[in-house]
Amino acid sequence: MEARAEAKYIRTSPRKARPVLDLIRGLDAGAAINLLRFTKKRVAKEVQKVLRSAIANAEGKSETIDVDQLYVAEAYANDGPRSKRIRPAPMGRAHPYQRRSCHIVVKVAEKVASAAAPAASPS
């Protein structure tokens, strides 16, 4: 069972969001939320919202899902649209710069129980 959530047009660059997403990738959902709560990055709050949304989507998708068995299967940030601006410079010139945005995607999946050891053959 897998569920995903996406936040679009987040006003931070993907380069700043990716290290936070690298922290939670592969962790249990509860541990990831706890880690994000104490991460000192501005984007951590947005990532936490997306993760909570993905968990809620998983609960809505299946009534029998165990939330404690969820883990972060995928977490990545893609480029969003860039706002192109100019800054006035001396002598009538203009210096261009870009305000970047990103789309954050988090997928959670349920852990697959390890296969039981094969039963001993009767002798």
PDB file of N, CA and C in Angstrom:
ATOM      1  N   MET A   1       0.844  -1.178   0.000  1.00  0.00           N
ATOM      2  CA  MET A   1       0.000   0.000   0.000  1.00  0.00           C
ATOM      3  C   MET A   1       0.887   1.237   0.000  1.00  0.00           C
ATOM      4  N   GLU A   2       0.610   2.130  -0.896  1.00  0.00           N
ATOM      5  CA  GLU A   2       1.427   3.342  -1.024  1.00  0.00           C
ATOM      6  C   GLU A   2       0.513   4.547  -1.208  1.00  0.00           C
ATOM      7  N   ALA A   3       0.920   5.663  -0.604  1.00  0.00           N
ATOM      8  CA  ALA A   3       0.176   6.914  -0.761  1.00  0.00           C
ATOM      9  C   ALA A   3       1.184   8.041  -0.942  1.00  0.00           C
ATOM     10  N   ARG A   4       0.727   9.118  -1.595  1.00  0.00           N
ATOM     11  CA  ARG A   4       1.636  10.227  -1.839  1.00  0.00           C
ATOM     12  C   ARG A   4       0.932  11.544  -1.578  1.00  0.00           C
ATOM     13  N   ALA A   5       1.756  12.559  -1.357  1.00  0.00           N
ATOM     14  CA  ALA A   5       1.249  13.922  -1.209  1.00  0.00           C
ATOM     15  C   ALA A   5       2.253  14.855  -1.865  1.00  0.00           C
ATOM     16  N   GLU A   6       1.753  15.965  -2.382  1.00  0.00           N
ATOM     17  CA  GLU A   6       2.610  16.899  -3.095  1.00  0.00           C
ATOM     18  C   GLU A   6       2.226  18.326  -2.711  1.00  0.00           C
ATOM     19  N   ALA A   7       3.222  19.132  -2.447  1.00  0.00           N
ATOM     20  CA  ALA A   7       2.999  20.563  -2.204  1.00  0.00           C
ATOM     21  C   ALA A   7       3.659  21.307  -3.349  1.00  0.00           C
ATOM     22  N   LYS A   8       2.882  22.143  -4.013  1.00  0.00           N
ATOM     23  CA  LYS A   8       3.398  22.843  -5.183  1.00  0.00           C
ATOM     24  C   LYS A   8       3.647  24.308  -4.868  1.00  0.00           C
ATOM     25  N   TYR A   9       4.547  24.881  -5.619  1.00  0.00           N
ATOM     26  CA  TYR A   9       4.860  26.315  -5.570  1.00  0.00           C
ATOM     27  C   TYR A   9       5.323  26.774  -4.191  1.00  0.00           C
ATOM     28  N   ILE A  10       6.140  25.969  -3.540  1.00  0.00           N
ATOM     29  CA  ILE A  10       6.707  26.348  -2.240  1.00  0.00           C
ATOM     30  C   ILE A  10       7.799  27.376  -2.497  1.00  0.00           C
ATOM     31  N   ARG A  11       7.783  28.489  -1.757  1.00  0.00           N
ATOM     32  CA  ARG A  11       8.703  29.593  -2.018  1.00  0.00           C
ATOM     33  C   ARG A  11      10.064  29.374  -1.376  1.00  0.00           C
ATOM     34  N   THR A  12      10.726  28.330  -1.798  1.00  0.00           N
ATOM     35  CA  THR A  12      12.109  28.089  -1.439  1.00  0.00           C
ATOM     36  C   THR A  12      12.741  27.343  -2.595  1.00  0.00           C
ATOM     37  N   SER A  13      14.049  27.401  -2.685  1.00  0.00           N
ATOM     38  CA  SER A  13      14.685  26.723  -3.805  1.00  0.00           C
ATOM     39  C   SER A  13      14.770  25.227  -3.521  1.00  0.00           C
ATOM     40  N   PRO A  14      14.731  24.405  -4.565  1.00  0.00           N
ATOM     41  CA  PRO A  14      14.847  22.963  -4.368  1.00  0.00           C
ATOM     42  C   PRO A  14      16.181  22.577  -3.740  1.00  0.00           C
ATOM     43  N   ARG A  15      17.186  23.381  -3.995  1.00  0.00           N
ATOM     44  CA  ARG A  15      18.509  23.106  -3.439  1.00  0.00           C
ATOM     45  C   ARG A  15      18.491  23.185  -1.910  1.00  0.00           C
ATOM     46  N   LYS A  16      17.643  24.045  -1.356  1.00  0.00           N
ATOM     47  CA  LYS A  16      17.530  24.157   0.096  1.00  0.00           C
ATOM     48  C   LYS A  16      16.610  23.084   0.675  1.00  0.00           C
ATOM     49  N   ALA A  17      15.678  22.592  -0.113  1.00  0.00           N
ATOM     50  CA  ALA A  17      14.730  21.588   0.373  1.00  0.00           C
ATOM     51  C   ALA A  17      15.320  20.177   0.348  1.00  0.00           C
ATOM     52  N   ARG A  18      16.193  19.897  -0.600  1.00  0.00           N
ATOM     53  CA  ARG A  18      16.696  18.529  -0.766  1.00  0.00           C
ATOM     54  C   ARG A  18      17.444  17.981   0.436  1.00  0.00           C
ATOM     55  N   PRO A  19      18.305  18.753   1.131  1.00  0.00           N
ATOM     56  CA  PRO A  19      18.966  18.178   2.318  1.00  0.00           C
ATOM     57  C   PRO A  19      17.988  17.763   3.419  1.00  0.00           C
ATOM     58  N   VAL A  20      16.886  18.482   3.565  1.00  0.00           N
ATOM     59  CA  VAL A  20      15.884  18.124   4.574  1.00  0.00           C
ATOM     60  C   VAL A  20      15.173  16.843   4.157  1.00  0.00           C
ATOM     61  N   LEU A  21      14.884  16.704   2.880  1.00  0.00           N
ATOM     62  CA  LEU A  21      14.228  15.493   2.392  1.00  0.00           C
ATOM     63  C   LEU A  21      15.154  14.287   2.490  1.00  0.00           C
ATOM     64  N   ASP A  22      16.459  14.515   2.324  1.00  0.00           N
ATOM     65  CA  ASP A  22      17.421  13.420   2.470  1.00  0.00           C
ATOM     66  C   ASP A  22      17.440  12.890   3.901  1.00  0.00           C
ATOM     67  N   LEU A  23      17.141  13.766   4.877  1.00  0.00           N
ATOM     68  CA  LEU A  23      17.142  13.349   6.279  1.00  0.00           C
ATOM     69  C   LEU A  23      16.047  12.323   6.560  1.00  0.00           C
ATOM     70  N   ILE A  24      14.879  12.489   5.944  1.00  0.00           N
ATOM     71  CA  ILE A  24      13.735  11.647   6.300  1.00  0.00           C
ATOM     72  C   ILE A  24      13.539  10.441   5.395  1.00  0.00           C
ATOM     73  N   ARG A  25      14.200  10.416   4.255  1.00  0.00           N
ATOM     74  CA  ARG A  25      13.993   9.324   3.302  1.00  0.00           C
ATOM     75  C   ARG A  25      14.375   7.990   3.943  1.00  0.00           C
ATOM     76  N   GLY A  26      13.446   7.036   3.935  1.00  0.00           N
ATOM     77  CA  GLY A  26      13.702   5.705   4.479  1.00  0.00           C
ATOM     78  C   GLY A  26      13.342   5.549   5.945  1.00  0.00           C
ATOM     79  N   LEU A  27      13.020   6.628   6.652  1.00  0.00           N
ATOM     80  CA  LEU A  27      12.674   6.546   8.074  1.00  0.00           C
ATOM     81  C   LEU A  27      11.215   6.146   8.263  1.00  0.00           C
ATOM     82  N   ASP A  28      10.899   5.660   9.473  1.00  0.00           N
ATOM     83  CA  ASP A  28       9.509   5.445   9.841  1.00  0.00           C
ATOM     84  C   ASP A  28       8.800   6.795   9.846  1.00  0.00           C
ATOM     85  N   ALA A  29       7.513   6.796   9.562  1.00  0.00           N
ATOM     86  CA  ALA A  29       6.771   8.057   9.457  1.00  0.00           C
ATOM     87  C   ALA A  29       6.785   8.826  10.771  1.00  0.00           C
ATOM     88  N   GLY A  30       6.596   8.144  11.887  1.00  0.00           N
ATOM     89  CA  GLY A  30       6.605   8.815  13.188  1.00  0.00           C
ATOM     90  C   GLY A  30       7.962   9.399  13.520  1.00  0.00           C
ATOM     91  N   ALA A  31       9.011   8.656  13.225  1.00  0.00           N
ATOM     92  CA  ALA A  31      10.365   9.147  13.482  1.00  0.00           C
ATOM     93  C   ALA A  31      10.699  10.331  12.573  1.00  0.00           C
ATOM     94  N   ALA A  32      10.191  10.305  11.350  1.00  0.00           N
ATOM     95  CA  ALA A  32      10.445  11.402  10.410  1.00  0.00           C
ATOM     96  C   ALA A  32       9.763  12.680  10.882  1.00  0.00           C
ATOM     97  N   ILE A  33       8.529  12.572  11.376  1.00  0.00           N
ATOM     98  CA  ILE A  33       7.827  13.752  11.898  1.00  0.00           C
ATOM     99  C   ILE A  33       8.573  14.317  13.098  1.00  0.00           C
ATOM    100  N   ASN A  34       9.027  13.447  13.968  1.00  0.00           N
ATOM    101  CA  ASN A  34       9.778  13.879  15.151  1.00  0.00           C
ATOM    102  C   ASN A  34      11.085  14.558  14.749  1.00  0.00           C
ATOM    103  N   LEU A  35      11.767  14.037  13.768  1.00  0.00           N
ATOM    104  CA  LEU A  35      13.021  14.623  13.295  1.00  0.00           C
ATOM    105  C   LEU A  35      12.776  15.993  12.668  1.00  0.00           C
ATOM    106  N   LEU A  36      11.715  16.113  11.884  1.00  0.00           N
ATOM    107  CA  LEU A  36      11.401  17.393  11.231  1.00  0.00           C
ATOM    108  C   LEU A  36      11.017  18.464  12.244  1.00  0.00           C
ATOM    109  N   ARG A  37      10.411  18.048  13.345  1.00  0.00           N
ATOM    110  CA  ARG A  37       9.998  19.006  14.359  1.00  0.00           C
ATOM    111  C   ARG A  37      11.194  19.754  14.944  1.00  0.00           C
ATOM    112  N   PHE A  38      12.344  19.087  14.996  1.00  0.00           N
ATOM    113  CA  PHE A  38      13.531  19.694  15.613  1.00  0.00           C
ATOM    114  C   PHE A  38      14.616  20.072  14.610  1.00  0.00           C
ATOM    115  N   THR A  39      14.293  20.037  13.327  1.00  0.00           N
ATOM    116  CA  THR A  39      15.251  20.438  12.310  1.00  0.00           C
ATOM    117  C   THR A  39      15.206  21.952  12.156  1.00  0.00           C
ATOM    118  N   LYS A  40      16.368  22.587  12.200  1.00  0.00           N
ATOM    119  CA  LYS A  40      16.428  24.047  12.149  1.00  0.00           C
ATOM    120  C   LYS A  40      16.575  24.552  10.724  1.00  0.00           C
ATOM    121  N   LYS A  41      15.624  24.210   9.906  1.00  0.00           N
ATOM    122  CA  LYS A  41      15.548  24.713   8.539  1.00  0.00           C
ATOM    123  C   LYS A  41      14.126  25.193   8.320  1.00  0.00           C
ATOM    124  N   ARG A  42      13.968  26.307   7.610  1.00  0.00           N
ATOM    125  CA  ARG A  42      12.645  26.878   7.394  1.00  0.00           C
ATOM    126  C   ARG A  42      11.744  25.936   6.593  1.00  0.00           C
ATOM    127  N   VAL A  43      12.318  25.213   5.675  1.00  0.00           N
ATOM    128  CA  VAL A  43      11.534  24.338   4.806  1.00  0.00           C
ATOM    129  C   VAL A  43      11.058  23.086   5.546  1.00  0.00           C
ATOM    130  N   ALA A  44      11.609  22.792   6.718  1.00  0.00           N
ATOM    131  CA  ALA A  44      11.224  21.593   7.467  1.00  0.00           C
ATOM    132  C   ALA A  44       9.744  21.620   7.837  1.00  0.00           C
ATOM    133  N   LYS A  45       9.211  22.806   8.106  1.00  0.00           N
ATOM    134  CA  LYS A  45       7.797  22.937   8.449  1.00  0.00           C
ATOM    135  C   LYS A  45       6.922  22.549   7.259  1.00  0.00           C
ATOM    136  N   GLU A  46       7.307  22.970   6.066  1.00  0.00           N
ATOM    137  CA  GLU A  46       6.552  22.613   4.859  1.00  0.00           C
ATOM    138  C   GLU A  46       6.642  21.113   4.574  1.00  0.00           C
ATOM    139  N   VAL A  47       7.821  20.536   4.758  1.00  0.00           N
ATOM    140  CA  VAL A  47       8.004  19.105   4.516  1.00  0.00           C
ATOM    141  C   VAL A  47       7.164  18.306   5.511  1.00  0.00           C
ATOM    142  N   GLN A  48       7.098  18.781   6.749  1.00  0.00           N
ATOM    143  CA  GLN A  48       6.297  18.097   7.762  1.00  0.00           C
ATOM    144  C   GLN A  48       4.810  18.103   7.382  1.00  0.00           C
ATOM    145  N   LYS A  49       4.330  19.217   6.832  1.00  0.00           N
ATOM    146  CA  LYS A  49       2.940  19.295   6.378  1.00  0.00           C
ATOM    147  C   LYS A  49       2.664  18.275   5.277  1.00  0.00           C
ATOM    148  N   VAL A  50       3.607  18.167   4.340  1.00  0.00           N
ATOM    149  CA  VAL A  50       3.426  17.231   3.226  1.00  0.00           C
ATOM    150  C   VAL A  50       3.440  15.797   3.732  1.00  0.00           C
ATOM    151  N   LEU A  51       4.332  15.501   4.676  1.00  0.00           N
ATOM    152  CA  LEU A  51       4.410  14.148   5.239  1.00  0.00           C
ATOM    153  C   LEU A  51       3.128  13.797   5.976  1.00  0.00           C
ATOM    154  N   ARG A  52       2.604  14.711   6.758  1.00  0.00           N
ATOM    155  CA  ARG A  52       1.337  14.457   7.463  1.00  0.00           C
ATOM    156  C   ARG A  52       0.189  14.237   6.469  1.00  0.00           C
ATOM    157  N   SER A  53       0.211  14.976   5.384  1.00  0.00           N
ATOM    158  CA  SER A  53      -0.808  14.810   4.354  1.00  0.00           C
ATOM    159  C   SER A  53      -0.703  13.438   3.693  1.00  0.00           C
ATOM    160  N   ALA A  54       0.516  12.985   3.440  1.00  0.00           N
ATOM    161  CA  ALA A  54       0.705  11.661   2.834  1.00  0.00           C
ATOM    162  C   ALA A  54       0.210  10.561   3.772  1.00  0.00           C
ATOM    163  N   ILE A  55       0.442  10.724   5.074  1.00  0.00           N
ATOM    164  CA  ILE A  55      -0.040   9.738   6.053  1.00  0.00           C
ATOM    165  C   ILE A  55      -1.569   9.735   6.069  1.00  0.00           C
ATOM    166  N   ALA A  56      -2.172  10.924   6.046  1.00  0.00           N
ATOM    167  CA  ALA A  56      -3.634  11.016   6.018  1.00  0.00           C
ATOM    168  C   ALA A  56      -4.192  10.415   4.733  1.00  0.00           C
ATOM    169  N   ASN A  57      -3.515  10.612   3.616  1.00  0.00           N
ATOM    170  CA  ASN A  57      -3.952  10.009   2.349  1.00  0.00           C
ATOM    171  C   ASN A  57      -3.908   8.490   2.425  1.00  0.00           C
ATOM    172  N   ALA A  58      -2.887   7.956   3.104  1.00  0.00           N
ATOM    173  CA  ALA A  58      -2.784   6.501   3.258  1.00  0.00           C
ATOM    174  C   ALA A  58      -3.927   5.979   4.122  1.00  0.00           C
ATOM    175  N   GLU A  59      -4.265   6.712   5.179  1.00  0.00           N
ATOM    176  CA  GLU A  59      -5.383   6.296   6.036  1.00  0.00           C
ATOM    177  C   GLU A  59      -6.700   6.334   5.270  1.00  0.00           C
ATOM    178  N   GLY A  60      -6.866   7.344   4.426  1.00  0.00           N
ATOM    179  CA  GLY A  60      -8.096   7.461   3.651  1.00  0.00           C
ATOM    180  C   GLY A  60      -8.211   6.424   2.557  1.00  0.00           C
ATOM    181  N   LYS A  61      -7.080   5.960   2.073  1.00  0.00           N
ATOM    182  CA  LYS A  61      -7.063   4.987   0.980  1.00  0.00           C
ATOM    183  C   LYS A  61      -7.468   3.590   1.460  1.00  0.00           C
ATOM    184  N   SER A  62      -7.040   3.246   2.665  1.00  0.00           N
ATOM    185  CA  SER A  62      -7.285   1.904   3.178  1.00  0.00           C
ATOM    186  C   SER A  62      -7.704   1.984   4.637  1.00  0.00           C
ATOM    187  N   GLU A  63      -8.767   1.284   4.988  1.00  0.00           N
ATOM    188  CA  GLU A  63      -9.246   1.294   6.360  1.00  0.00           C
ATOM    189  C   GLU A  63      -8.423   0.372   7.257  1.00  0.00           C
ATOM    190  N   THR A  64      -7.742  -0.584   6.662  1.00  0.00           N
ATOM    191  CA  THR A  64      -7.026  -1.581   7.451  1.00  0.00           C
ATOM    192  C   THR A  64      -5.547  -1.253   7.634  1.00  0.00           C
ATOM    193  N   ILE A  65      -5.126  -0.077   7.181  1.00  0.00           N
ATOM    194  CA  ILE A  65      -3.702   0.250   7.236  1.00  0.00           C
ATOM    195  C   ILE A  65      -3.285   0.557   8.667  1.00  0.00           C
ATOM    196  N   ASP A  66      -2.089   0.101   9.023  1.00  0.00           N
ATOM    197  CA  ASP A  66      -1.513   0.389  10.332  1.00  0.00           C
ATOM    198  C   ASP A  66      -0.541   1.555  10.155  1.00  0.00           C
ATOM    199  N   VAL A  67      -0.870   2.691  10.761  1.00  0.00           N
ATOM    200  CA  VAL A  67      -0.065   3.902  10.583  1.00  0.00           C
ATOM    201  C   VAL A  67       1.348   3.702  11.140  1.00  0.00           C
ATOM    202  N   ASP A  68       1.488   2.858  12.157  1.00  0.00           N
ATOM    203  CA  ASP A  68       2.805   2.617  12.747  1.00  0.00           C
ATOM    204  C   ASP A  68       3.732   1.852  11.803  1.00  0.00           C
ATOM    205  N   GLN A  69       3.166   1.216  10.779  1.00  0.00           N
ATOM    206  CA  GLN A  69       3.968   0.453   9.819  1.00  0.00           C
ATOM    207  C   GLN A  69       4.363   1.264   8.591  1.00  0.00           C
ATOM    208  N   LEU A  70       3.998   2.547   8.552  1.00  0.00           N
ATOM    209  CA  LEU A  70       4.339   3.379   7.395  1.00  0.00           C
ATOM    210  C   LEU A  70       5.766   3.894   7.498  1.00  0.00           C
ATOM    211  N   TYR A  71       6.416   4.004   6.350  1.00  0.00           N
ATOM    212  CA  TYR A  71       7.741   4.613   6.266  1.00  0.00           C
ATOM    213  C   TYR A  71       7.792   5.503   5.023  1.00  0.00           C
ATOM    214  N   VAL A  72       8.773   6.393   4.990  1.00  0.00           N
ATOM    215  CA  VAL A  72       8.917   7.327   3.878  1.00  0.00           C
ATOM    216  C   VAL A  72       9.633   6.589   2.748  1.00  0.00           C
ATOM    217  N   ALA A  73       8.885   6.220   1.726  1.00  0.00           N
ATOM    218  CA  ALA A  73       9.451   5.456   0.614  1.00  0.00           C
ATOM    219  C   ALA A  73      10.222   6.371  -0.336  1.00  0.00           C
ATOM    220  N   GLU A  74       9.644   7.523  -0.649  1.00  0.00           N
ATOM    221  CA  GLU A  74      10.288   8.478  -1.550  1.00  0.00           C
ATOM    222  C   GLU A  74      10.058   9.881  -1.016  1.00  0.00           C
ATOM    223  N   ALA A  75      11.045  10.731  -1.206  1.00  0.00           N
ATOM    224  CA  ALA A  75      10.910  12.149  -0.859  1.00  0.00           C
ATOM    225  C   ALA A  75      11.854  12.922  -1.769  1.00  0.00           C
ATOM    226  N   TYR A  76      11.292  13.827  -2.558  1.00  0.00           N
ATOM    227  CA  TYR A  76      12.134  14.602  -3.466  1.00  0.00           C
ATOM    228  C   TYR A  76      11.509  15.968  -3.735  1.00  0.00           C
ATOM    229  N   ALA A  77      12.348  16.871  -4.233  1.00  0.00           N
ATOM    230  CA  ALA A  77      11.909  18.223  -4.570  1.00  0.00           C
ATOM    231  C   ALA A  77      12.276  18.504  -6.019  1.00  0.00           C
ATOM    232  N   ASN A  78      11.293  18.916  -6.790  1.00  0.00           N
ATOM    233  CA  ASN A  78      11.514  19.286  -8.189  1.00  0.00           C
ATOM    234  C   ASN A  78      11.455  20.798  -8.333  1.00  0.00           C
ATOM    235  N   ASP A  79      12.027  21.297  -9.421  1.00  0.00           N
ATOM    236  CA  ASP A  79      11.960  22.728  -9.696  1.00  0.00           C
ATOM    237  C   ASP A  79      10.528  23.148  -9.986  1.00  0.00           C
ATOM    238  N   GLY A  80      10.177  24.303  -9.455  1.00  0.00           N
ATOM    239  CA  GLY A  80       8.916  24.937  -9.799  1.00  0.00           C
ATOM    240  C   GLY A  80       9.216  26.097 -10.733  1.00  0.00           C
ATOM    241  N   PRO A  81       8.217  26.905 -11.025  1.00  0.00           N
ATOM    242  CA  PRO A  81       8.469  28.057 -11.888  1.00  0.00           C
ATOM    243  C   PRO A  81       9.346  29.088 -11.194  1.00  0.00           C
ATOM    244  N   ARG A  82      10.081  29.821 -11.987  1.00  0.00           N
ATOM    245  CA  ARG A  82      10.965  30.860 -11.459  1.00  0.00           C
ATOM    246  C   ARG A  82      10.374  32.222 -11.791  1.00  0.00           C
ATOM    247  N   SER A  83      10.380  33.099 -10.802  1.00  0.00           N
ATOM    248  CA  SER A  83       9.964  34.478 -11.038  1.00  0.00           C
ATOM    249  C   SER A  83      11.208  35.266 -11.369  1.00  0.00           C
ATOM    250  N   LYS A  84      11.222  35.884 -12.527  1.00  0.00           N
ATOM    251  CA  LYS A  84      12.406  36.629 -12.947  1.00  0.00           C
ATOM    252  C   LYS A  84      12.226  38.094 -12.582  1.00  0.00           C
ATOM    253  N   ARG A  85      13.186  38.617 -11.852  1.00  0.00           N
ATOM    254  CA  ARG A  85      13.137  39.994 -11.364  1.00  0.00           C
ATOM    255  C   ARG A  85      14.413  40.717 -11.769  1.00  0.00           C
ATOM    256  N   ILE A  86      14.374  42.053 -11.661  1.00  0.00           N
ATOM    257  CA  ILE A  86      15.591  42.829 -11.884  1.00  0.00           C
ATOM    258  C   ILE A  86      15.828  43.733 -10.686  1.00  0.00           C
ATOM    259  N   ARG A  87      17.082  43.969 -10.399  1.00  0.00           N
ATOM    260  CA  ARG A  87      17.478  44.852  -9.317  1.00  0.00           C
ATOM    261  C   ARG A  87      18.165  46.068  -9.925  1.00  0.00           C
ATOM    262  N   PRO A  88      17.757  47.231  -9.541  1.00  0.00           N
ATOM    263  CA  PRO A  88      18.425  48.419 -10.082  1.00  0.00           C
ATOM    264  C   PRO A  88      19.907  48.447  -9.688  1.00  0.00           C
ATOM    265  N   ALA A  89      20.730  48.838 -10.609  1.00  0.00           N
ATOM    266  CA  ALA A  89      22.171  48.901 -10.391  1.00  0.00           C
ATOM    267  C   ALA A  89      22.632  50.325 -10.730  1.00  0.00           C
ATOM    268  N   PRO A  90      23.837  50.663 -10.349  1.00  0.00           N
ATOM    269  CA  PRO A  90      24.323  52.023 -10.631  1.00  0.00           C
ATOM    270  C   PRO A  90      24.388  52.331 -12.128  1.00  0.00           C
ATOM    271  N   MET A  91      24.310  53.590 -12.447  1.00  0.00           N
ATOM    272  CA  MET A  91      24.471  54.102 -13.807  1.00  0.00           C
ATOM    273  C   MET A  91      23.405  53.574 -14.762  1.00  0.00           C
ATOM    274  N   GLY A  92      22.173  53.396 -14.266  1.00  0.00           N
ATOM    275  CA  GLY A  92      21.064  53.008 -15.122  1.00  0.00           C
ATOM    276  C   GLY A  92      21.049  51.548 -15.538  1.00  0.00           C
ATOM    277  N   ARG A  93      21.893  50.745 -14.987  1.00  0.00           N
ATOM    278  CA  ARG A  93      21.927  49.316 -15.339  1.00  0.00           C
ATOM    279  C   ARG A  93      20.910  48.546 -14.504  1.00  0.00           C
ATOM    280  N   ALA A  94      20.718  47.276 -14.873  1.00  0.00           N
ATOM    281  CA  ALA A  94      19.818  46.401 -14.124  1.00  0.00           C
ATOM    282  C   ALA A  94      20.482  45.036 -13.994  1.00  0.00           C
ATOM    283  N   HIS A  95      20.437  44.481 -12.783  1.00  0.00           N
ATOM    284  CA  HIS A  95      20.977  43.145 -12.546  1.00  0.00           C
ATOM    285  C   HIS A  95      19.810  42.166 -12.375  1.00  0.00           C
ATOM    286  N   PRO A  96      19.738  41.152 -13.246  1.00  0.00           N
ATOM    287  CA  PRO A  96      18.638  40.189 -13.125  1.00  0.00           C
ATOM    288  C   PRO A  96      18.912  39.153 -12.025  1.00  0.00           C
ATOM    289  N   TYR A  97      17.833  38.688 -11.385  1.00  0.00           N
ATOM    290  CA  TYR A  97      17.926  37.569 -10.457  1.00  0.00           C
ATOM    291  C   TYR A  97      16.622  36.793 -10.539  1.00  0.00           C
ATOM    292  N   GLN A  98      16.624  35.572  -9.978  1.00  0.00           N
ATOM    293  CA  GLN A  98      15.459  34.697 -10.070  1.00  0.00           C
ATOM    294  C   GLN A  98      15.017  34.285  -8.678  1.00  0.00           C
ATOM    295  N   ARG A  99      13.711  34.310  -8.471  1.00  0.00           N
ATOM    296  CA  ARG A  99      13.139  33.805  -7.226  1.00  0.00           C
ATOM    297  C   ARG A  99      12.638  32.403  -7.522  1.00  0.00           C
ATOM    298  N   ARG A 100      13.277  31.433  -6.926  1.00  0.00           N
ATOM    299  CA  ARG A 100      12.970  30.040  -7.250  1.00  0.00           C
ATOM    300  C   ARG A 100      11.837  29.503  -6.376  1.00  0.00           C
ATOM    301  N   SER A 101      11.145  28.511  -6.896  1.00  0.00           N
ATOM    302  CA  SER A 101      10.132  27.790  -6.135  1.00  0.00           C
ATOM    303  C   SER A 101      10.319  26.308  -6.407  1.00  0.00           C
ATOM    304  N   CYS A 102       9.675  25.489  -5.595  1.00  0.00           N
ATOM    305  CA  CYS A 102       9.836  24.047  -5.789  1.00  0.00           C
ATOM    306  C   CYS A 102       8.525  23.322  -5.512  1.00  0.00           C
ATOM    307  N   HIS A 103       8.453  22.095  -5.987  1.00  0.00           N
ATOM    308  CA  HIS A 103       7.348  21.184  -5.722  1.00  0.00           C
ATOM    309  C   HIS A 103       7.922  20.045  -4.880  1.00  0.00           C
ATOM    310  N   ILE A 104       7.351  19.820  -3.696  1.00  0.00           N
ATOM    311  CA  ILE A 104       7.842  18.787  -2.784  1.00  0.00           C
ATOM    312  C   ILE A 104       6.897  17.596  -2.854  1.00  0.00           C
ATOM    313  N   VAL A 105       7.459  16.397  -3.067  1.00  0.00           N
ATOM    314  CA  VAL A 105       6.679  15.162  -3.164  1.00  0.00           C
ATOM    315  C   VAL A 105       7.177  14.191  -2.104  1.00  0.00           C
ATOM    316  N   VAL A 106       6.233  13.629  -1.328  1.00  0.00           N
ATOM    317  CA  VAL A 106       6.561  12.621  -0.318  1.00  0.00           C
ATOM    318  C   VAL A 106       5.636  11.434  -0.532  1.00  0.00           C
ATOM    319  N   LYS A 107       6.222  10.239  -0.609  1.00  0.00           N
ATOM    320  CA  LYS A 107       5.448   9.004  -0.735  1.00  0.00           C
ATOM    321  C   LYS A 107       5.709   8.143   0.489  1.00  0.00           C
ATOM    322  N   VAL A 108       4.637   7.636   1.069  1.00  0.00           N
ATOM    323  CA  VAL A 108       4.765   6.718   2.197  1.00  0.00           C
ATOM    324  C   VAL A 108       4.245   5.349   1.770  1.00  0.00           C
ATOM    325  N   ALA A 109       4.834   4.314   2.314  1.00  0.00           N
ATOM    326  CA  ALA A 109       4.422   2.956   1.994  1.00  0.00           C
ATOM    327  C   ALA A 109       4.409   2.131   3.272  1.00  0.00           C
ATOM    328  N   GLU A 110       3.678   1.050   3.225  1.00  0.00           N
ATOM    329  CA  GLU A 110       3.592   0.168   4.382  1.00  0.00           C
ATOM    330  C   GLU A 110       4.716  -0.851   4.310  1.00  0.00           C
ATOM    331  N   LYS A 111       5.337  -1.096   5.452  1.00  0.00           N
ATOM    332  CA  LYS A 111       6.413  -2.087   5.494  1.00  0.00           C
ATOM    333  C   LYS A 111       5.841  -3.464   5.220  1.00  0.00           C
ATOM    334  N   VAL A 112       6.556  -4.211   4.402  1.00  0.00           N
ATOM    335  CA  VAL A 112       6.136  -5.576   4.086  1.00  0.00           C
ATOM    336  C   VAL A 112       6.724  -6.475   5.161  1.00  0.00           C
ATOM    337  N   ALA A 113       5.869  -7.284   5.762  1.00  0.00           N
ATOM    338  CA  ALA A 113       6.349  -8.200   6.799  1.00  0.00           C
ATOM    339  C   ALA A 113       7.279  -9.222   6.166  1.00  0.00           C
ATOM    340  N   SER A 114       8.369  -9.495   6.845  1.00  0.00           N
ATOM    341  CA  SER A 114       9.343 -10.435   6.287  1.00  0.00           C
ATOM    342  C   SER A 114       8.698 -11.829   6.230  1.00  0.00           C
ATOM    343  N   ALA A 115       9.052 -12.550   5.199  1.00  0.00           N
ATOM    344  CA  ALA A 115       8.493 -13.880   4.985  1.00  0.00           C
ATOM    345  C   ALA A 115       8.911 -14.802   6.139  1.00  0.00           C
ATOM    346  N   ALA A 116       7.965 -15.561   6.610  1.00  0.00           N
ATOM    347  CA  ALA A 116       8.258 -16.487   7.727  1.00  0.00           C
ATOM    348  C   ALA A 116       9.212 -17.567   7.247  1.00  0.00           C
ATOM    349  N   ALA A 117      10.000 -18.040   8.148  1.00  0.00           N
ATOM    350  CA  ALA A 117      10.953 -19.104   7.806  1.00  0.00           C
ATOM    351  C   ALA A 117      10.171 -20.340   7.378  1.00  0.00           C
ATOM    352  N   PRO A 118      10.655 -21.037   6.354  1.00  0.00           N
ATOM    353  CA  PRO A 118       9.931 -22.233   5.909  1.00  0.00           C
ATOM    354  C   PRO A 118       9.885 -23.274   7.021  1.00  0.00           C
ATOM    355  N   ALA A 119       8.750 -23.934   7.105  1.00  0.00           N
ATOM    356  CA  ALA A 119       8.569 -24.968   8.154  1.00  0.00           C
ATOM    357  C   ALA A 119       9.489 -26.145   7.863  1.00  0.00           C
ATOM    358  N   ALA A 120       9.932 -26.752   8.925  1.00  0.00           N
ATOM    359  CA  ALA A 120      10.807 -27.926   8.778  1.00  0.00           C
ATOM    360  C   ALA A 120      10.016 -29.052   8.142  1.00  0.00           C
ATOM    361  N   SER A 121      10.643 -29.723   7.214  1.00  0.00           N
ATOM    362  CA  SER A 121       9.960 -30.820   6.537  1.00  0.00           C
ATOM    363  C   SER A 121       9.830 -32.012   7.479  1.00  0.00           C
ATOM    364  N   PRO A 122       8.675 -32.679   7.444  1.00  0.00           N
ATOM    365  CA  PRO A 122       8.488 -33.834   8.336  1.00  0.00           C
ATOM    366  C   PRO A 122       9.406 -34.983   7.897  1.00  0.00           C
ATOM    367  N   SER A 123       9.968 -35.658   8.885  1.00  0.00           N
ATOM    368  CA  SER A 123      10.840 -36.785   8.548  1.00  0.00           C
ATOM    369  C   SER A 123      10.314 -38.078   9.050  1.00  0.00           C
TER     370      SER A 123
END
